[in-house]
Amino acid sequence: MASFYNFFQSAKFDIIDAAYMEVGKEWKSMVNDFKHVRIYYIRSGSAELALTNATLPLQEGFLYFVPSLSILEGNCKNSMGHYFIHIIPDILTEHFFKILPLKTCCRMERSIADYLFLTIIKNNGNSSFHSRQATDSALKLLFSNFFEGVNIEETDVGKFAKVFEYIDTHIGEKIYIKDLSALVYLDDAYFSNLFKKTFGISLQQHILLKRIDRAKELLATDSTIAEISNSLGFFDAASFSNFFKKQTRMAPKEFRKHLFD
């Protein structure tokens, strides 16, 4: 049985960028690629992130976790010195980040943050065993802060890998529980109950969240609303717009305007 602890020890993270930067008002135009999972540590100053469902103040001395596809824009009125890491996790880990009720921020001593972030910045991209191990260990120590208080049912979480891969591949189609349960050789009702017991939300809720994420990705491209509607299996553009607004409280055009303003 692969417990969540054992699974997370083997999780794979592709670090796209890791650095320290001091920014001012120009930061707003820099926070525009929202597809990656982000970790921030604010070393000095402050700023604010407008997310799709909330406003997140960034304050000195705090570590922040920002899920993928959740940033609309940033606002730094004065100045901010911060570490940042942009990450693309593997498919299974990305699903867990969406499902689990992770903490979004926690206080961290500056000396600890300096050590962990500088370890990652120094070693990221180096293929030696030492550098890869140092980077992976420091990153997982950072992530461990966001799991505090999260209770995960000790079931074989690895069995959901095929399920999550199927959801990603077929997100534009009607997804039936019978097809997902067949992947793990379980009865439909038992599989649905196991998913809810393990992660705290229903399978249908999770599929809904992933469909919203896919819509956000497409709205960041040149695709028309009609093309996006068609690719996600909606009857027409109006049906898609109503669905998107119900889930995000923004019409697709309004969401897109935030991204490109």
C-alpha atoms as a PDB file:
ATOM      1  CA  MET A   1       0.000   0.000   0.000  1.00  0.00           C
ATOM      2  CA  ALA A   2       1.362   3.424  -0.981  1.00  0.00           C
ATOM      3  CA  SER A   3       0.414   5.771   1.858  1.00  0.00           C
ATOM      4  CA  PHE A   4       0.213   9.464   1.105  1.00  0.00           C
ATOM      5  CA  TYR A   5       3.497  10.004   2.963  1.00  0.00           C
ATOM      6  CA  ASN A   6       5.283   7.463   0.765  1.00  0.00           C
ATOM      7  CA  PHE A   7       3.620   8.854  -2.330  1.00  0.00           C
ATOM      8  CA  PHE A   8       4.668  12.418  -1.582  1.00  0.00           C
ATOM      9  CA  GLN A   9       8.270  11.353  -1.011  1.00  0.00           C
ATOM     10  CA  SER A  10       8.324  10.102  -4.617  1.00  0.00           C
ATOM     11  CA  ALA A  11       6.393  13.043  -6.104  1.00  0.00           C
ATOM     12  CA  LYS A  12       8.092  14.762  -9.049  1.00  0.00           C
ATOM     13  CA  PHE A  13       8.321  18.560  -9.373  1.00  0.00           C
ATOM     14  CA  ASP A  14       9.613  20.402 -12.404  1.00  0.00           C
ATOM     15  CA  ILE A  15      10.977  23.740 -11.156  1.00  0.00           C
ATOM     16  CA  ILE A  16      10.510  26.290 -13.950  1.00  0.00           C
ATOM     17  CA  ASP A  17      12.068  29.213 -12.110  1.00  0.00           C
ATOM     18  CA  ALA A  18      13.469  29.963  -8.659  1.00  0.00           C
ATOM     19  CA  ALA A  19      14.965  33.304  -7.629  1.00  0.00           C
ATOM     20  CA  TYR A  20      14.984  36.261  -5.276  1.00  0.00           C
ATOM     21  CA  MET A  21      13.653  39.562  -6.628  1.00  0.00           C
ATOM     22  CA  GLU A  22      12.855  43.034  -5.372  1.00  0.00           C
ATOM     23  CA  VAL A  23       9.882  44.585  -7.170  1.00  0.00           C
ATOM     24  CA  GLY A  24       7.660  47.654  -7.141  1.00  0.00           C
ATOM     25  CA  LYS A  25       4.644  48.729  -9.147  1.00  0.00           C
ATOM     26  CA  GLU A  26       6.026  46.986 -12.247  1.00  0.00           C
ATOM     27  CA  TRP A  27       5.283  43.634 -10.562  1.00  0.00           C
ATOM     28  CA  LYS A  28       1.700  43.798 -11.848  1.00  0.00           C
ATOM     29  CA  SER A  29       2.855  43.247 -15.423  1.00  0.00           C
ATOM     30  CA  MET A  30       5.174  40.420 -14.321  1.00  0.00           C
ATOM     31  CA  VAL A  31       2.530  38.243 -12.665  1.00  0.00           C
ATOM     32  CA  ASN A  32       0.893  37.049 -15.847  1.00  0.00           C
ATOM     33  CA  ASP A  33       1.813  33.378 -16.280  1.00  0.00           C
ATOM     34  CA  PHE A  34      -0.604  31.782 -13.851  1.00  0.00           C
ATOM     35  CA  LYS A  35      -0.356  28.177 -15.017  1.00  0.00           C
ATOM     36  CA  HIS A  36       2.273  27.150 -12.482  1.00  0.00           C
ATOM     37  CA  VAL A  37       2.045  26.271  -8.804  1.00  0.00           C
ATOM     38  CA  ARG A  38       3.868  29.023  -6.930  1.00  0.00           C
ATOM     39  CA  ILE A  39       5.616  29.321  -3.586  1.00  0.00           C
ATOM     40  CA  TYR A  40       6.455  32.788  -2.262  1.00  0.00           C
ATOM     41  CA  TYR A  41       8.353  33.964   0.772  1.00  0.00           C
ATOM     42  CA  ILE A  42       8.112  37.680   1.502  1.00  0.00           C
ATOM     43  CA  ARG A  43      11.414  38.886   2.915  1.00  0.00           C
ATOM     44  CA  SER A  44      10.549  42.587   3.008  1.00  0.00           C
ATOM     45  CA  GLY A  45       7.648  44.867   2.100  1.00  0.00           C
ATOM     46  CA  SER A  46       4.222  43.676   1.002  1.00  0.00           C
ATOM     47  CA  ALA A  47       1.947  43.152  -1.988  1.00  0.00           C
ATOM     48  CA  GLU A  48      -1.389  41.636  -2.912  1.00  0.00           C
ATOM     49  CA  LEU A  49      -2.559  38.924  -5.276  1.00  0.00           C
ATOM     50  CA  ALA A  50      -6.008  38.971  -6.838  1.00  0.00           C
ATOM     51  CA  LEU A  51      -7.020  35.320  -7.142  1.00  0.00           C
ATOM     52  CA  THR A  52      -9.991  33.905  -8.982  1.00  0.00           C
ATOM     53  CA  ASN A  53     -11.846  33.371  -5.716  1.00  0.00           C
ATOM     54  CA  ALA A  54     -10.225  35.709  -3.176  1.00  0.00           C
ATOM     55  CA  THR A  55      -7.642  38.389  -2.460  1.00  0.00           C
ATOM     56  CA  LEU A  56      -4.397  37.196  -0.916  1.00  0.00           C
ATOM     57  CA  PRO A  57      -2.281  39.788   0.968  1.00  0.00           C
ATOM     58  CA  LEU A  58       1.441  38.995   0.906  1.00  0.00           C
ATOM     59  CA  GLN A  59       3.154  40.056   4.127  1.00  0.00           C
ATOM     60  CA  GLU A  60       6.738  40.099   5.350  1.00  0.00           C
ATOM     61  CA  GLY A  61       7.823  36.954   7.152  1.00  0.00           C
ATOM     62  CA  PHE A  62       5.194  34.651   5.607  1.00  0.00           C
ATOM     63  CA  LEU A  63       5.447  31.676   3.264  1.00  0.00           C
ATOM     64  CA  TYR A  64       2.672  31.312   0.649  1.00  0.00           C
ATOM     65  CA  PHE A  65       1.292  28.494  -1.493  1.00  0.00           C
ATOM     66  CA  VAL A  66      -0.578  29.554  -4.639  1.00  0.00           C
ATOM     67  CA  PRO A  67      -2.234  26.766  -6.696  1.00  0.00           C
ATOM     68  CA  SER A  68      -2.010  26.755 -10.461  1.00  0.00           C
ATOM     69  CA  LEU A  69      -4.603  28.651 -12.501  1.00  0.00           C
ATOM     70  CA  SER A  70      -5.663  30.857  -9.603  1.00  0.00           C
ATOM     71  CA  ILE A  71      -3.873  34.200 -10.108  1.00  0.00           C
ATOM     72  CA  LEU A  72      -5.615  37.068 -11.891  1.00  0.00           C
ATOM     73  CA  GLU A  73      -3.158  39.875 -11.165  1.00  0.00           C
ATOM     74  CA  GLY A  74      -0.681  41.234  -8.643  1.00  0.00           C
ATOM     75  CA  ASN A  75      -0.466  44.639  -7.003  1.00  0.00           C
ATOM     76  CA  CYS A  76       2.612  46.070  -5.256  1.00  0.00           C
ATOM     77  CA  LYS A  77       1.990  49.660  -4.205  1.00  0.00           C
ATOM     78  CA  ASN A  78       5.465  50.326  -2.812  1.00  0.00           C
ATOM     79  CA  SER A  79       8.118  47.605  -2.795  1.00  0.00           C
ATOM     80  CA  MET A  80       8.557  43.934  -1.985  1.00  0.00           C
ATOM     81  CA  GLY A  81      11.595  41.689  -1.677  1.00  0.00           C
ATOM     82  CA  HIS A  82      10.600  38.073  -2.191  1.00  0.00           C
ATOM     83  CA  TYR A  83      11.737  34.578  -3.025  1.00  0.00           C
ATOM     84  CA  PHE A  84       9.612  32.749  -5.562  1.00  0.00           C
ATOM     85  CA  ILE A  85       9.485  29.263  -7.040  1.00  0.00           C
ATOM     86  CA  HIS A  86       7.356  28.350 -10.082  1.00  0.00           C
ATOM     87  CA  ILE A  87       6.602  24.633 -10.267  1.00  0.00           C
ATOM     88  CA  ILE A  88       4.903  22.147 -12.569  1.00  0.00           C
ATOM     89  CA  PRO A  89       4.086  19.033 -10.509  1.00  0.00           C
ATOM     90  CA  ASP A  90       3.352  15.613 -11.975  1.00  0.00           C
ATOM     91  CA  ILE A  91      -0.288  14.856 -12.829  1.00  0.00           C
ATOM     92  CA  LEU A  92      -1.062  12.979  -9.618  1.00  0.00           C
ATOM     93  CA  THR A  93       0.454  15.647  -7.383  1.00  0.00           C
ATOM     94  CA  GLU A  94      -1.363  18.420  -9.242  1.00  0.00           C
ATOM     95  CA  HIS A  95      -4.676  16.694  -8.563  1.00  0.00           C
ATOM     96  CA  PHE A  96      -3.827  16.357  -4.872  1.00  0.00           C
ATOM     97  CA  PHE A  97      -2.998  20.065  -4.698  1.00  0.00           C
ATOM     98  CA  LYS A  98      -6.479  20.820  -6.029  1.00  0.00           C
ATOM     99  CA  ILE A  99      -8.283  18.354  -3.782  1.00  0.00           C
ATOM    100  CA  LEU A 100      -6.625  18.725  -0.394  1.00  0.00           C
ATOM    101  CA  PRO A 101      -7.424  21.682   1.915  1.00  0.00           C
ATOM    102  CA  LEU A 102      -3.837  22.929   2.081  1.00  0.00           C
ATOM    103  CA  LYS A 103      -2.892  26.005   4.071  1.00  0.00           C
ATOM    104  CA  THR A 104      -2.270  29.036   1.876  1.00  0.00           C
ATOM    105  CA  CYS A 105       0.221  30.741   4.193  1.00  0.00           C
ATOM    106  CA  CYS A 106       2.251  30.288   7.342  1.00  0.00           C
ATOM    107  CA  ARG A 107       4.844  32.264   9.260  1.00  0.00           C
ATOM    108  CA  MET A 108       8.473  31.283   8.739  1.00  0.00           C
ATOM    109  CA  GLU A 109      11.685  32.587  10.265  1.00  0.00           C
ATOM    110  CA  ARG A 110      13.788  34.532   7.769  1.00  0.00           C
ATOM    111  CA  SER A 111      16.921  32.477   8.451  1.00  0.00           C
ATOM    112  CA  ILE A 112      15.091  29.230   7.660  1.00  0.00           C
ATOM    113  CA  ALA A 113      13.542  30.681   4.512  1.00  0.00           C
ATOM    114  CA  ASP A 114      16.928  32.010   3.368  1.00  0.00           C
ATOM    115  CA  TYR A 115      18.520  28.591   3.800  1.00  0.00           C
ATOM    116  CA  LEU A 116      15.788  26.617   2.004  1.00  0.00           C
ATOM    117  CA  PHE A 117      15.235  29.000  -0.897  1.00  0.00           C
ATOM    118  CA  LEU A 118      18.939  29.645  -1.470  1.00  0.00           C
ATOM    119  CA  THR A 119      19.559  25.888  -1.459  1.00  0.00           C
ATOM    120  CA  ILE A 120      16.975  25.499  -4.223  1.00  0.00           C
ATOM    121  CA  ILE A 121      18.207  28.514  -6.208  1.00  0.00           C
ATOM    122  CA  LYS A 122      21.832  27.332  -6.007  1.00  0.00           C
ATOM    123  CA  ASN A 123      21.208  23.697  -6.927  1.00  0.00           C
ATOM    124  CA  ASN A 124      18.231  23.823  -9.287  1.00  0.00           C
ATOM    125  CA  GLY A 125      19.186  22.696 -12.776  1.00  0.00           C
ATOM    126  CA  ASN A 126      22.360  20.893 -11.661  1.00  0.00           C
ATOM    127  CA  SER A 127      22.182  17.207 -12.550  1.00  0.00           C
ATOM    128  CA  SER A 128      24.537  15.917  -9.851  1.00  0.00           C
ATOM    129  CA  PHE A 129      23.086  13.622  -7.207  1.00  0.00           C
ATOM    130  CA  HIS A 130      23.963  16.075  -4.432  1.00  0.00           C
ATOM    131  CA  SER A 131      22.229  19.022  -6.138  1.00  0.00           C
ATOM    132  CA  ARG A 132      19.126  17.048  -7.081  1.00  0.00           C
ATOM    133  CA  GLN A 133      18.799  15.637  -3.567  1.00  0.00           C
ATOM    134  CA  ALA A 134      19.365  19.052  -1.962  1.00  0.00           C
ATOM    135  CA  THR A 135      16.781  20.708  -4.213  1.00  0.00           C
ATOM    136  CA  ASP A 136      14.176  17.996  -3.694  1.00  0.00           C
ATOM    137  CA  SER A 137      14.656  17.901   0.086  1.00  0.00           C
ATOM    138  CA  ALA A 138      14.457  21.695   0.484  1.00  0.00           C
ATOM    139  CA  LEU A 139      11.355  21.907  -1.693  1.00  0.00           C
ATOM    140  CA  LYS A 140       9.537  19.181   0.208  1.00  0.00           C
ATOM    141  CA  LEU A 141      10.425  20.844   3.504  1.00  0.00           C
ATOM    142  CA  LEU A 142       8.790  24.015   2.196  1.00  0.00           C
ATOM    143  CA  PHE A 143       5.713  22.084   1.079  1.00  0.00           C
ATOM    144  CA  SER A 144       5.414  20.304   4.419  1.00  0.00           C
ATOM    145  CA  ASN A 145       4.368  23.597   6.021  1.00  0.00           C
ATOM    146  CA  PHE A 146       1.186  23.701   3.932  1.00  0.00           C
ATOM    147  CA  PHE A 147       0.103  20.191   4.967  1.00  0.00           C
ATOM    148  CA  GLU A 148      -0.103  21.037   8.670  1.00  0.00           C
ATOM    149  CA  GLY A 149      -3.511  19.999   9.983  1.00  0.00           C
ATOM    150  CA  VAL A 150      -4.495  18.152   6.797  1.00  0.00           C
ATOM    151  CA  ASN A 151      -5.833  14.675   7.538  1.00  0.00           C
ATOM    152  CA  ILE A 152      -5.540  12.198   4.690  1.00  0.00           C
ATOM    153  CA  GLU A 153      -7.177   8.788   4.811  1.00  0.00           C
ATOM    154  CA  GLU A 154      -4.413   6.169   4.811  1.00  0.00           C
ATOM    155  CA  THR A 155      -5.535   4.334   1.709  1.00  0.00           C
ATOM    156  CA  ASP A 156      -3.567   3.339  -1.371  1.00  0.00           C
ATOM    157  CA  VAL A 157      -3.427   6.791  -2.976  1.00  0.00           C
ATOM    158  CA  GLY A 158      -1.317   5.454  -5.835  1.00  0.00           C
ATOM    159  CA  LYS A 159      -4.359   3.665  -7.240  1.00  0.00           C
ATOM    160  CA  PHE A 160      -5.843   7.039  -8.179  1.00  0.00           C
ATOM    161  CA  ALA A 161      -3.048   7.780 -10.662  1.00  0.00           C
ATOM    162  CA  LYS A 162      -4.876   6.144 -13.570  1.00  0.00           C
ATOM    163  CA  VAL A 163      -8.111   7.852 -12.512  1.00  0.00           C
ATOM    164  CA  PHE A 164      -6.574  11.316 -12.542  1.00  0.00           C
ATOM    165  CA  GLU A 165      -4.811  10.665 -15.841  1.00  0.00           C
ATOM    166  CA  TYR A 166      -8.146   9.595 -17.377  1.00  0.00           C
ATOM    167  CA  ILE A 167      -9.858  12.747 -16.078  1.00  0.00           C
ATOM    168  CA  ASP A 168      -7.151  14.952 -17.608  1.00  0.00           C
ATOM    169  CA  THR A 169      -7.349  13.150 -20.952  1.00  0.00           C
ATOM    170  CA  HIS A 170     -11.160  13.179 -21.161  1.00  0.00           C
ATOM    171  CA  ILE A 171     -11.955  16.495 -19.435  1.00  0.00           C
ATOM    172  CA  GLY A 172     -13.789  17.741 -22.533  1.00  0.00           C
ATOM    173  CA  GLU A 173     -16.106  14.733 -22.550  1.00  0.00           C
ATOM    174  CA  LYS A 174     -18.800  13.292 -20.336  1.00  0.00           C
ATOM    175  CA  ILE A 175     -16.974  11.313 -17.641  1.00  0.00           C
ATOM    176  CA  TYR A 176     -18.812   8.363 -16.118  1.00  0.00           C
ATOM    177  CA  ILE A 177     -18.024   6.907 -12.719  1.00  0.00           C
ATOM    178  CA  LYS A 178     -18.288   3.385 -14.148  1.00  0.00           C
ATOM    179  CA  ASP A 179     -15.349   4.104 -16.464  1.00  0.00           C
ATOM    180  CA  LEU A 180     -13.230   5.444 -13.603  1.00  0.00           C
ATOM    181  CA  SER A 181     -14.077   2.648 -11.173  1.00  0.00           C
ATOM    182  CA  ALA A 182     -13.232   0.088 -13.864  1.00  0.00           C
ATOM    183  CA  LEU A 183      -9.689   1.463 -13.998  1.00  0.00           C
ATOM    184  CA  VAL A 184      -9.099   0.392 -10.392  1.00  0.00           C
ATOM    185  CA  TYR A 185     -11.338  -2.714 -10.479  1.00  0.00           C
ATOM    186  CA  LEU A 186     -13.789  -1.440  -7.889  1.00  0.00           C
ATOM    187  CA  ASP A 187     -17.573  -1.320  -7.613  1.00  0.00           C
ATOM    188  CA  ASP A 188     -19.017   2.087  -8.634  1.00  0.00           C
ATOM    189  CA  ALA A 189     -20.555   2.871  -5.256  1.00  0.00           C
ATOM    190  CA  TYR A 190     -17.531   1.664  -3.291  1.00  0.00           C
ATOM    191  CA  PHE A 191     -15.188   3.682  -5.523  1.00  0.00           C
ATOM    192  CA  SER A 192     -17.241   6.873  -5.095  1.00  0.00           C
ATOM    193  CA  ASN A 193     -17.346   6.437  -1.334  1.00  0.00           C
ATOM    194  CA  LEU A 194     -13.613   5.681  -1.178  1.00  0.00           C
ATOM    195  CA  PHE A 195     -12.789   8.839  -3.124  1.00  0.00           C
ATOM    196  CA  LYS A 196     -14.956  10.992  -0.853  1.00  0.00           C
ATOM    197  CA  LYS A 197     -13.567   9.332   2.296  1.00  0.00           C
ATOM    198  CA  THR A 198      -9.970   9.749   1.128  1.00  0.00           C
ATOM    199  CA  PHE A 199     -10.068  13.329  -0.127  1.00  0.00           C
ATOM    200  CA  GLY A 200     -13.057  14.940   1.545  1.00  0.00           C
ATOM    201  CA  ILE A 201     -14.838  15.957  -1.669  1.00  0.00           C
ATOM    202  CA  SER A 202     -16.899  13.983  -4.147  1.00  0.00           C
ATOM    203  CA  LEU A 203     -15.530  12.740  -7.441  1.00  0.00           C
ATOM    204  CA  GLN A 204     -18.093  14.893  -9.293  1.00  0.00           C
ATOM    205  CA  GLN A 205     -16.884  18.008  -7.449  1.00  0.00           C
ATOM    206  CA  HIS A 206     -13.298  17.280  -8.380  1.00  0.00           C
ATOM    207  CA  ILE A 207     -14.136  16.779 -12.058  1.00  0.00           C
ATOM    208  CA  LEU A 208     -15.986  20.084 -11.977  1.00  0.00           C
ATOM    209  CA  LEU A 209     -12.921  21.864 -10.548  1.00  0.00           C
ATOM    210  CA  LYS A 210     -10.668  20.357 -13.194  1.00  0.00           C
ATOM    211  CA  ARG A 211     -13.056  21.403 -15.968  1.00  0.00           C
ATOM    212  CA  ILE A 212     -12.967  24.963 -14.645  1.00  0.00           C
ATOM    213  CA  ASP A 213      -9.156  24.830 -14.642  1.00  0.00           C
ATOM    214  CA  ARG A 214      -9.120  23.699 -18.255  1.00  0.00           C
ATOM    215  CA  ALA A 215     -11.463  26.537 -19.184  1.00  0.00           C
ATOM    216  CA  LYS A 216      -9.121  29.036 -17.491  1.00  0.00           C
ATOM    217  CA  GLU A 217      -6.170  27.649 -19.432  1.00  0.00           C
ATOM    218  CA  LEU A 218      -8.008  28.040 -22.718  1.00  0.00           C
ATOM    219  CA  LEU A 219      -9.180  31.547 -21.867  1.00  0.00           C
ATOM    220  CA  ALA A 220      -5.501  32.511 -21.598  1.00  0.00           C
ATOM    221  CA  THR A 221      -5.069  31.581 -25.282  1.00  0.00           C
ATOM    222  CA  ASP A 222      -6.422  33.042 -28.520  1.00  0.00           C
ATOM    223  CA  SER A 223      -9.272  30.517 -28.667  1.00  0.00           C
ATOM    224  CA  THR A 224     -12.723  32.013 -29.058  1.00  0.00           C
ATOM    225  CA  ILE A 225     -15.433  31.417 -26.460  1.00  0.00           C
ATOM    226  CA  ALA A 226     -17.244  29.240 -28.995  1.00  0.00           C
ATOM    227  CA  GLU A 227     -14.119  27.145 -29.598  1.00  0.00           C
ATOM    228  CA  ILE A 228     -13.551  26.709 -25.866  1.00  0.00           C
ATOM    229  CA  SER A 229     -17.187  25.763 -25.371  1.00  0.00           C
ATOM    230  CA  ASN A 230     -16.923  23.129 -28.087  1.00  0.00           C
ATOM    231  CA  SER A 231     -13.646  21.672 -26.797  1.00  0.00           C
ATOM    232  CA  LEU A 232     -15.146  21.224 -23.322  1.00  0.00           C
ATOM    233  CA  GLY A 233     -18.267  19.498 -24.617  1.00  0.00           C
ATOM    234  CA  PHE A 234     -20.862  22.206 -23.964  1.00  0.00           C
ATOM    235  CA  PHE A 235     -23.971  22.533 -26.097  1.00  0.00           C
ATOM    236  CA  ASP A 236     -23.120  26.115 -27.054  1.00  0.00           C
ATOM    237  CA  ALA A 237     -21.174  29.208 -25.953  1.00  0.00           C
ATOM    238  CA  ALA A 238     -24.065  30.458 -23.809  1.00  0.00           C
ATOM    239  CA  SER A 239     -24.167  27.191 -21.836  1.00  0.00           C
ATOM    240  CA  PHE A 240     -20.431  27.387 -21.231  1.00  0.00           C
ATOM    241  CA  SER A 241     -20.607  31.045 -20.172  1.00  0.00           C
ATOM    242  CA  ASN A 242     -23.390  30.322 -17.687  1.00  0.00           C
ATOM    243  CA  PHE A 243     -21.441  27.377 -16.264  1.00  0.00           C
ATOM    244  CA  PHE A 244     -18.221  29.384 -15.936  1.00  0.00           C
ATOM    245  CA  LYS A 245     -19.924  32.352 -14.299  1.00  0.00           C
ATOM    246  CA  LYS A 246     -21.764  30.142 -11.836  1.00  0.00           C
ATOM    247  CA  GLN A 247     -18.494  28.573 -10.693  1.00  0.00           C
ATOM    248  CA  THR A 248     -16.196  31.629 -10.710  1.00  0.00           C
ATOM    249  CA  ARG A 249     -18.639  34.556 -10.362  1.00  0.00           C
ATOM    250  CA  MET A 250     -17.119  36.007 -13.544  1.00  0.00           C
ATOM    251  CA  ALA A 251     -18.168  35.731 -17.154  1.00  0.00           C
ATOM    252  CA  PRO A 252     -15.480  34.211 -19.433  1.00  0.00           C
ATOM    253  CA  LYS A 253     -14.909  37.576 -21.155  1.00  0.00           C
ATOM    254  CA  GLU A 254     -14.464  39.289 -17.781  1.00  0.00           C
ATOM    255  CA  PHE A 255     -11.970  36.645 -16.680  1.00  0.00           C
ATOM    256  CA  ARG A 256     -10.021  37.022 -19.937  1.00  0.00           C
ATOM    257  CA  LYS A 257      -9.999  40.813 -19.547  1.00  0.00           C
ATOM    258  CA  HIS A 258      -8.288  40.452 -16.161  1.00  0.00           C
ATOM    259  CA  LEU A 259      -5.571  38.322 -17.734  1.00  0.00           C
ATOM    260  CA  PHE A 260      -4.713  40.668 -20.587  1.00  0.00           C
ATOM    261  CA  ASP A 261      -5.270  44.134 -19.089  1.00  0.00           C
END
